[in-house]
PDB file of N, CA and C in Angstrom:
ATOM      1  N   MET A   1      95.238 108.591 114.658  1.00  0.00           N
ATOM      2  CA  MET A   1      95.001 107.369 114.122  1.00  0.00           C
ATOM      3  C   MET A   1      95.753 107.437 112.565  1.00  0.00           C
ATOM      4  N   GLN A   2      96.391 106.962 112.247  1.00  0.00           N
ATOM      5  CA  GLN A   2      97.435 107.130 110.721  1.00  0.00           C
ATOM      6  C   GLN A   2      96.376 106.437 109.845  1.00  0.00           C
ATOM      7  N   ARG A   3      96.684 106.861 108.509  1.00  0.00           N
ATOM      8  CA  ARG A   3      96.146 106.596 107.328  1.00  0.00           C
ATOM      9  C   ARG A   3      96.734 105.534 106.713  1.00  0.00           C
ATOM     10  N   VAL A   4      96.327 104.163 106.264  1.00  0.00           N
ATOM     11  CA  VAL A   4      97.093 103.446 105.333  1.00  0.00           C
ATOM     12  C   VAL A   4      96.111 103.482 104.055  1.00  0.00           C
ATOM     13  N   THR A   5      96.729 103.081 102.677  1.00  0.00           N
ATOM     14  CA  THR A   5      96.557 102.720 101.668  1.00  0.00           C
ATOM     15  C   THR A   5      96.865 101.594 101.147  1.00  0.00           C
ATOM     16  N   LEU A   6      95.285 100.518 100.756  1.00  0.00           N
ATOM     17  CA  LEU A   6      95.749  99.313 100.469  1.00  0.00           C
ATOM     18  C   LEU A   6      94.902  99.100  99.062  1.00  0.00           C
ATOM     19  N   ARG A   7      94.835  97.896  98.154  1.00  0.00           N
ATOM     20  CA  ARG A   7      94.742  97.563  97.262  1.00  0.00           C
ATOM     21  C   ARG A   7      94.015  96.385  97.413  1.00  0.00           C
ATOM     22  N   LEU A   8      92.547  96.223  97.547  1.00  0.00           N
ATOM     23  CA  LEU A   8      91.901  95.119  97.325  1.00  0.00           C
ATOM     24  C   LEU A   8      91.242  94.732  96.069  1.00  0.00           C
ATOM     25  N   PRO A   9      91.048  92.980  95.768  1.00  0.00           N
ATOM     26  CA  PRO A   9      90.307  92.904  94.827  1.00  0.00           C
ATOM     27  C   PRO A   9      88.702  93.350  95.022  1.00  0.00           C
ATOM     28  N   GLU A  10      88.227  93.563  93.578  1.00  0.00           N
ATOM     29  CA  GLU A  10      87.082  94.208  93.336  1.00  0.00           C
ATOM     30  C   GLU A  10      85.687  92.885  94.099  1.00  0.00           C
ATOM     31  N   GLN A  11      86.135  91.634  94.414  1.00  0.00           N
ATOM     32  CA  GLN A  11      85.081  90.921  94.608  1.00  0.00           C
ATOM     33  C   GLN A  11      85.064  91.534  96.522  1.00  0.00           C
ATOM     34  N   GLN A  12      86.476  91.508  96.731  1.00  0.00           N
ATOM     35  CA  GLN A  12      86.156  91.656  98.184  1.00  0.00           C
ATOM     36  C   GLN A  12      85.816  92.962  98.796  1.00  0.00           C
ATOM     37  N   LEU A  13      85.914  94.258  98.055  1.00  0.00           N
ATOM     38  CA  LEU A  13      85.457  95.356  97.797  1.00  0.00           C
ATOM     39  C   LEU A  13      84.039  95.094  98.413  1.00  0.00           C
ATOM     40  N   LYS A  14      83.335  94.497  97.187  1.00  0.00           N
ATOM     41  CA  LYS A  14      81.868  94.279  97.207  1.00  0.00           C
ATOM     42  C   LYS A  14      81.545  93.177  98.279  1.00  0.00           C
ATOM     43  N   MET A  15      82.165  92.394  98.861  1.00  0.00           N
ATOM     44  CA  MET A  15      81.529  91.858 100.168  1.00  0.00           C
ATOM     45  C   MET A  15      81.728  92.554 101.129  1.00  0.00           C
ATOM     46  N   ILE A  16      82.733  93.874 101.427  1.00  0.00           N
ATOM     47  CA  ILE A  16      82.612  94.311 102.330  1.00  0.00           C
ATOM     48  C   ILE A  16      81.272  95.632 102.107  1.00  0.00           C
ATOM     49  N   ASP A  17      81.068  96.242 101.072  1.00  0.00           N
ATOM     50  CA  ASP A  17      79.834  96.598 100.944  1.00  0.00           C
ATOM     51  C   ASP A  17      78.687  96.189 101.429  1.00  0.00           C
ATOM     52  N   VAL A  18      78.513  94.790 100.813  1.00  0.00           N
ATOM     53  CA  VAL A  18      77.316  94.312 101.302  1.00  0.00           C
ATOM     54  C   VAL A  18      77.057  93.953 102.931  1.00  0.00           C
ATOM     55  N   MET A  19      78.498  93.918 103.427  1.00  0.00           N
ATOM     56  CA  MET A  19      78.393  93.877 104.924  1.00  0.00           C
ATOM     57  C   MET A  19      77.726  95.173 105.908  1.00  0.00           C
ATOM     58  N   VAL A  20      78.369  96.096 105.246  1.00  0.00           N
ATOM     59  CA  VAL A  20      77.941  97.635 105.171  1.00  0.00           C
ATOM     60  C   VAL A  20      76.681  97.455 105.319  1.00  0.00           C
ATOM     61  N   ASP A  21      76.199  98.049 103.963  1.00  0.00           N
ATOM     62  CA  ASP A  21      74.648  97.708 103.599  1.00  0.00           C
ATOM     63  C   ASP A  21      73.686  96.812 104.431  1.00  0.00           C
ATOM     64  N   GLN A  22      74.377  95.726 104.821  1.00  0.00           N
ATOM     65  CA  GLN A  22      73.652  94.588 105.897  1.00  0.00           C
ATOM     66  C   GLN A  22      73.655  95.342 107.386  1.00  0.00           C
ATOM     67  N   GLY A  23      74.309  96.214 107.825  1.00  0.00           N
ATOM     68  CA  GLY A  23      74.410  96.882 108.951  1.00  0.00           C
ATOM     69  C   GLY A  23      75.146  96.337 109.812  1.00  0.00           C
ATOM     70  N   GLU A  24      75.910  95.121 108.914  1.00  0.00           N
ATOM     71  CA  GLU A  24      76.945  94.719 109.967  1.00  0.00           C
ATOM     72  C   GLU A  24      78.415  95.649 110.634  1.00  0.00           C
ATOM     73  N   PHE A  25      78.313  96.505 109.800  1.00  0.00           N
ATOM     74  CA  PHE A  25      79.454  97.608 110.191  1.00  0.00           C
ATOM     75  C   PHE A  25      79.015  98.903 109.866  1.00  0.00           C
ATOM     76  N   PRO A  26      79.461  99.914 109.995  1.00  0.00           N
ATOM     77  CA  PRO A  26      79.046 101.562 109.966  1.00  0.00           C
ATOM     78  C   PRO A  26      79.711 101.559 108.576  1.00  0.00           C
ATOM     79  N   SER A  27      80.837 100.996 108.393  1.00  0.00           N
ATOM     80  CA  SER A  27      81.593 101.768 107.379  1.00  0.00           C
ATOM     81  C   SER A  27      82.514 100.560 106.847  1.00  0.00           C
ATOM     82  N   ALA A  28      83.048 101.016 105.673  1.00  0.00           N
ATOM     83  CA  ALA A  28      84.151  99.875 104.925  1.00  0.00           C
ATOM     84  C   ALA A  28      85.376 100.371 106.392  1.00  0.00           C
ATOM     85  N   SER A  29      85.629 101.008 106.585  1.00  0.00           N
ATOM     86  CA  SER A  29      86.702 101.521 107.443  1.00  0.00           C
ATOM     87  C   SER A  29      86.638 100.319 108.450  1.00  0.00           C
ATOM     88  N   GLU A  30      85.681 100.716 109.050  1.00  0.00           N
ATOM     89  CA  GLU A  30      85.550  99.847 110.460  1.00  0.00           C
ATOM     90  C   GLU A  30      85.652  98.312 109.991  1.00  0.00           C
ATOM     91  N   ALA A  31      85.121  97.859 109.072  1.00  0.00           N
ATOM     92  CA  ALA A  31      85.007  96.262 108.808  1.00  0.00           C
ATOM     93  C   ALA A  31      86.278  96.132 108.553  1.00  0.00           C
ATOM     94  N   ILE A  32      87.334  96.733 107.703  1.00  0.00           N
ATOM     95  CA  ILE A  32      88.651  96.614 107.681  1.00  0.00           C
ATOM     96  C   ILE A  32      89.627  96.461 108.800  1.00  0.00           C
ATOM     97  N   ARG A  33      89.467  97.507 109.825  1.00  0.00           N
ATOM     98  CA  ARG A  33      89.927  97.431 111.135  1.00  0.00           C
ATOM     99  C   ARG A  33      89.458  96.343 112.081  1.00  0.00           C
ATOM    100  N   THR A  34      88.134  95.718 111.764  1.00  0.00           N
ATOM    101  CA  THR A  34      87.991  94.547 112.704  1.00  0.00           C
ATOM    102  C   THR A  34      88.482  93.322 112.124  1.00  0.00           C
ATOM    103  N   ALA A  35      88.750  93.533 110.698  1.00  0.00           N
ATOM    104  CA  ALA A  35      89.485  92.137 110.274  1.00  0.00           C
ATOM    105  C   ALA A  35      90.504  92.037 110.496  1.00  0.00           C
ATOM    106  N   ILE A  36      91.771  93.467 110.751  1.00  0.00           N
ATOM    107  CA  ILE A  36      92.737  93.612 111.290  1.00  0.00           C
ATOM    108  C   ILE A  36      93.176  92.944 112.643  1.00  0.00           C
ATOM    109  N   ARG A  37      92.134  93.507 113.412  1.00  0.00           N
ATOM    110  CA  ARG A  37      92.099  93.331 114.640  1.00  0.00           C
ATOM    111  C   ARG A  37      91.924  91.775 115.041  1.00  0.00           C
ATOM    112  N   ASP A  38      90.860  91.233 114.302  1.00  0.00           N
ATOM    113  CA  ASP A  38      90.703  89.950 114.596  1.00  0.00           C
ATOM    114  C   ASP A  38      91.824  89.031 113.969  1.00  0.00           C
ATOM    115  N   LEU A  39      92.682  89.594 112.691  1.00  0.00           N
ATOM    116  CA  LEU A  39      94.023  88.770 112.585  1.00  0.00           C
ATOM    117  C   LEU A  39      95.263  89.022 113.542  1.00  0.00           C
ATOM    118  N   ILE A  40      95.221  90.019 114.208  1.00  0.00           N
ATOM    119  CA  ILE A  40      96.282  90.162 115.301  1.00  0.00           C
ATOM    120  C   ILE A  40      96.025  89.344 116.175  1.00  0.00           C
ATOM    121  N   ASP A  41      94.631  89.328 116.773  1.00  0.00           N
ATOM    122  CA  ASP A  41      94.361  88.373 117.898  1.00  0.00           C
ATOM    123  C   ASP A  41      94.398  86.847 117.738  1.00  0.00           C
ATOM    124  N   GLN A  42      94.441  86.254 116.609  1.00  0.00           N
ATOM    125  CA  GLN A  42      94.524  85.058 115.993  1.00  0.00           C
ATOM    126  C   GLN A  42      96.061  84.534 115.815  1.00  0.00           C
ATOM    127  N   ARG A  43      96.767  85.556 115.360  1.00  0.00           N
ATOM    128  CA  ARG A  43      98.213  85.235 115.338  1.00  0.00           C
ATOM    129  C   ARG A  43      99.270  85.686 116.482  1.00  0.00           C
ATOM    130  N   SER A  44      98.857  86.531 117.078  1.00  0.00           N
ATOM    131  CA  SER A  44      99.491  87.114 118.230  1.00  0.00           C
ATOM    132  C   SER A  44     100.045  86.112 119.221  1.00  0.00           C
ATOM    133  N   ASP A  45      99.075  84.966 119.868  1.00  0.00           N
ATOM    134  CA  ASP A  45      99.379  83.955 120.398  1.00  0.00           C
ATOM    135  C   ASP A  45     100.538  83.147 120.048  1.00  0.00           C
ATOM    136  N   LYS A  46     100.311  82.760 118.730  1.00  0.00           N
ATOM    137  CA  LYS A  46     101.526  81.951 117.781  1.00  0.00           C
ATOM    138  C   LYS A  46     102.940  83.019 118.199  1.00  0.00           C
ATOM    139  N   LEU A  47     102.787  83.887 117.637  1.00  0.00           N
ATOM    140  CA  LEU A  47     103.719  84.379 117.450  1.00  0.00           C
ATOM    141  C   LEU A  47     104.588  84.939 118.835  1.00  0.00           C
ATOM    142  N   LEU A  48     103.640  84.883 120.231  1.00  0.00           N
ATOM    143  CA  LEU A  48     104.321  84.968 121.225  1.00  0.00           C
ATOM    144  C   LEU A  48     105.228  83.431 121.575  1.00  0.00           C
ATOM    145  N   ARG A  49     104.232  82.731 121.345  1.00  0.00           N
ATOM    146  CA  ARG A  49     105.037  81.151 121.913  1.00  0.00           C
ATOM    147  C   ARG A  49     106.369  80.884 121.069  1.00  0.00           C
ATOM    148  N   ASN A  50     106.357  81.533 119.623  1.00  0.00           N
ATOM    149  CA  ASN A  50     107.530  81.537 118.935  1.00  0.00           C
ATOM    150  C   ASN A  50     108.670  82.237 119.504  1.00  0.00           C
ATOM    151  N   ILE A  51     108.484  83.182 119.955  1.00  0.00           N
ATOM    152  CA  ILE A  51     109.397  84.355 120.665  1.00  0.00           C
ATOM    153  C   ILE A  51     110.222  83.751 121.671  1.00  0.00           C
ATOM    154  N   GLN A  52     108.884  83.221 122.499  1.00  0.00           N
ATOM    155  CA  GLN A  52     109.353  82.638 123.777  1.00  0.00           C
ATOM    156  C   GLN A  52     110.421  81.026 123.537  1.00  0.00           C
ATOM    157  N   LEU A  53     109.894  80.334 122.502  1.00  0.00           N
ATOM    158  CA  LEU A  53     110.465  79.108 122.314  1.00  0.00           C
ATOM    159  C   LEU A  53     111.951  80.025 121.881  1.00  0.00           C
ATOM    160  N   MET A  54     112.257  80.840 121.103  1.00  0.00           N
ATOM    161  CA  MET A  54     113.265  81.069 120.581  1.00  0.00           C
ATOM    162  C   MET A  54     114.283  81.700 121.638  1.00  0.00           C
ATOM    163  N   GLU A  55     113.828  82.230 122.797  1.00  0.00           N
ATOM    164  CA  GLU A  55     114.631  82.823 123.747  1.00  0.00           C
ATOM    165  C   GLU A  55     115.199  81.892 124.541  1.00  0.00           C
ATOM    166  N   ARG A  56     114.307  80.556 124.505  1.00  0.00           N
ATOM    167  CA  ARG A  56     114.847  79.463 125.415  1.00  0.00           C
ATOM    168  C   ARG A  56     116.028  79.060 124.573  1.00  0.00           C
ATOM    169  N   ILE A  57     115.397  78.326 123.391  1.00  0.00           N
ATOM    170  CA  ILE A  57     116.447  77.893 122.710  1.00  0.00           C
ATOM    171  C   ILE A  57     117.685  78.466 123.102  1.00  0.00           C
ATOM    172  N   GLY A  58     117.855  79.836 122.410  1.00  0.00           N
ATOM    173  CA  GLY A  58     118.891  81.234 122.818  1.00  0.00           C
ATOM    174  C   GLY A  58     119.492  80.582 124.426  1.00  0.00           C
ATOM    175  N   ALA A  59     118.382  80.828 125.381  1.00  0.00           N
ATOM    176  CA  ALA A  59     119.362  80.999 126.551  1.00  0.00           C
ATOM    177  C   ALA A  59     119.934  79.257 126.897  1.00  0.00           C
ATOM    178  N   THR A  60     119.482  78.006 126.238  1.00  0.00           N
ATOM    179  CA  THR A  60     120.060  76.849 126.390  1.00  0.00           C
ATOM    180  C   THR A  60     121.064  76.359 125.418  1.00  0.00           C
ATOM    181  N   SER A  61     121.379  77.201 124.582  1.00  0.00           N
ATOM    182  CA  SER A  61     122.487  77.004 123.712  1.00  0.00           C
ATOM    183  C   SER A  61     124.032  78.020 124.014  1.00  0.00           C
ATOM    184  N   SER A  62     123.717  78.896 124.744  1.00  0.00           N
ATOM    185  CA  SER A  62     124.548  79.796 125.522  1.00  0.00           C
ATOM    186  C   SER A  62     125.148  79.268 126.608  1.00  0.00           C
ATOM    187  N   ALA A  63     124.273  78.108 127.422  1.00  0.00           N
ATOM    188  CA  ALA A  63     124.866  78.078 128.467  1.00  0.00           C
ATOM    189  C   ALA A  63     126.029  77.162 128.503  1.00  0.00           C
TER     190      ALA A  63
END
């Protein structure tokens, strides 16, 4: 696993700390990894549809 450094507003970090303190996540790192997985899951279908659309447009315009 690679290390990534990022900056977050203090309010967001405090909210992550609250979630960790409440037992929702074992660590801040795990909370952030979960957030990133959720983002990828939410956006990947849209991204794939856009890629497929562009491929179809490219195939029909070159015919």
